[in-house]
Amino acid sequence: MSVDIVTAEDCASNYGNFEIKGSKGDTYTVSFAGSEGPAHCSCQGFKFRGDCKHISEVYKGACLYNPQWKDANPDPAYRPVSYNYSQFSDNKCECGDKKVYVRRAY
């Protein structure tokens, strides 16, 4: 089996920090470290369980386009307030956000 390493482009939202309101009005930060990386949330539930409803909510409402999945959300409810990656390309994602260069094995 042969594996090729290629440079691809993901939506920068895959490396974004999102602010989301909790059920009691608190604001939490959900952070992504890439389309295959782990997500983190600043809420107490995440600290105890390692997952939370805020992450699920951002997964449902953000763009998070990946060229392997081809599932961009063209009108995302959540957009990043900042990014955890700085290798931006000159291209735009289908949702209008920036794209970033990533290395992928195919």
Protein backbone atom coordinates (compact mmCIF):
# COMPACT_ATOMS: atom_id res chain seq x y z
CA MET A 1 0.00 0.00 0.00
CA SER A 2 1.32 3.39 -1.00
CA VAL A 3 0.77 6.58 0.99
CA ASP A 4 1.06 10.04 -0.51
CA ILE A 5 1.60 13.13 1.64
CA VAL A 6 -0.03 16.16 0.07
CA THR A 7 -0.61 19.77 1.03
CA ALA A 8 -4.33 20.47 1.31
CA GLU A 9 -6.44 23.31 2.63
CA ASP A 10 -8.91 23.17 5.51
CA CYS A 11 -11.26 25.87 6.67
CA ALA A 12 -9.49 27.90 9.35
CA SER A 13 -12.49 27.26 11.62
CA ASN A 14 -10.98 23.80 12.25
CA TYR A 15 -8.27 25.66 14.19
CA GLY A 16 -10.61 28.24 15.70
CA ASN A 17 -11.65 29.45 19.12
CA PHE A 18 -15.38 29.96 19.44
CA GLU A 19 -17.33 31.76 22.15
CA ILE A 20 -20.60 30.12 23.13
CA LYS A 21 -23.16 31.00 25.77
CA GLY A 22 -23.99 28.35 28.34
CA SER A 23 -27.49 27.60 29.61
CA LYS A 24 -26.96 29.91 32.62
CA GLY A 25 -25.59 32.80 30.57
CA ASP A 26 -21.89 32.13 31.12
CA THR A 27 -19.63 32.43 28.07
CA TYR A 28 -17.29 29.52 27.33
CA THR A 29 -14.50 29.12 24.81
CA VAL A 30 -14.49 26.05 22.58
CA SER A 31 -11.11 25.50 20.88
CA PHE A 32 -10.25 23.22 17.97
CA ALA A 33 -6.75 21.99 17.11
CA GLY A 34 -7.46 20.79 13.58
CA SER A 35 -10.02 18.66 11.82
CA GLU A 36 -8.52 15.49 13.30
CA GLY A 37 -7.42 17.01 16.59
CA PRO A 38 -9.13 17.19 19.96
CA ALA A 39 -11.57 19.90 20.93
CA HIS A 40 -11.49 21.63 24.32
CA CYS A 41 -13.96 23.75 26.27
CA SER A 42 -13.42 26.10 29.19
CA CYS A 43 -16.50 24.82 31.06
CA GLN A 44 -16.40 22.72 34.24
CA GLY A 45 -18.20 19.83 32.56
CA PHE A 46 -15.36 19.41 30.08
CA LYS A 47 -12.79 19.46 32.89
CA PHE A 48 -14.58 16.59 34.64
CA ARG A 49 -15.89 14.51 31.71
CA GLY A 50 -13.63 15.43 28.79
CA ASP A 51 -16.63 16.36 26.64
CA CYS A 52 -19.55 18.78 26.85
CA LYS A 53 -22.63 20.11 25.10
CA HIS A 54 -20.82 23.31 24.08
CA ILE A 55 -18.42 21.36 21.85
CA SER A 56 -21.34 19.46 20.33
CA GLU A 57 -23.15 22.73 19.67
CA VAL A 58 -20.15 24.26 17.87
CA TYR A 59 -19.65 21.04 15.85
CA LYS A 60 -23.26 21.36 14.66
CA GLY A 61 -23.16 25.09 13.94
CA ALA A 62 -19.65 25.91 12.66
CA CYS A 63 -18.31 25.42 9.14
CA LEU A 64 -15.37 23.07 9.90
CA TYR A 65 -14.86 22.26 6.20
CA ASN A 66 -12.40 19.47 5.44
CA PRO A 67 -11.59 18.52 1.81
CA GLN A 68 -11.88 14.80 2.62
CA TRP A 69 -15.42 15.23 3.97
CA LYS A 70 -16.57 18.03 1.62
CA ASP A 71 -19.17 19.16 4.14
CA ALA A 72 -18.82 22.91 4.53
CA ASN A 73 -21.62 24.75 6.27
CA PRO A 74 -22.01 27.79 3.97
CA ASP A 75 -23.92 29.79 6.61
CA PRO A 76 -22.44 28.83 10.00
CA ALA A 77 -24.10 29.90 13.24
CA TYR A 78 -20.69 30.04 14.93
CA ARG A 79 -17.56 31.73 13.61
CA PRO A 80 -14.12 31.75 15.23
CA VAL A 81 -13.11 34.75 17.33
CA SER A 82 -9.43 33.77 16.93
CA TYR A 83 -7.28 30.94 15.55
CA ASN A 84 -4.75 28.40 16.89
CA TYR A 85 -2.86 28.21 13.59
CA SER A 86 -1.28 30.81 11.33
CA GLN A 87 -0.45 29.07 8.02
CA PHE A 88 -3.23 30.88 6.13
CA SER A 89 -3.59 30.50 2.37
CA ASP A 90 -4.93 33.21 0.06
CA ASN A 91 -8.08 31.16 -0.59
CA LYS A 92 -11.45 31.39 1.11
CA CYS A 93 -13.57 28.54 2.39
CA GLU A 94 -17.11 27.95 1.13
CA CYS A 95 -18.35 29.66 4.30
CA GLY A 96 -16.26 32.78 3.55
CA ASP A 97 -13.66 32.14 6.27
CA LYS A 98 -9.93 31.86 5.64
CA LYS A 99 -8.32 28.56 4.64
CA VAL A 100 -5.15 27.10 6.17
CA TYR A 101 -2.52 24.80 4.68
CA VAL A 102 -2.40 21.30 6.17
CA ARG A 103 -0.46 18.13 5.34
CA ARG A 104 -2.52 15.01 4.68
CA ALA A 105 -1.71 11.38 4.01
CA TYR A 106 -3.80 9.77 1.25
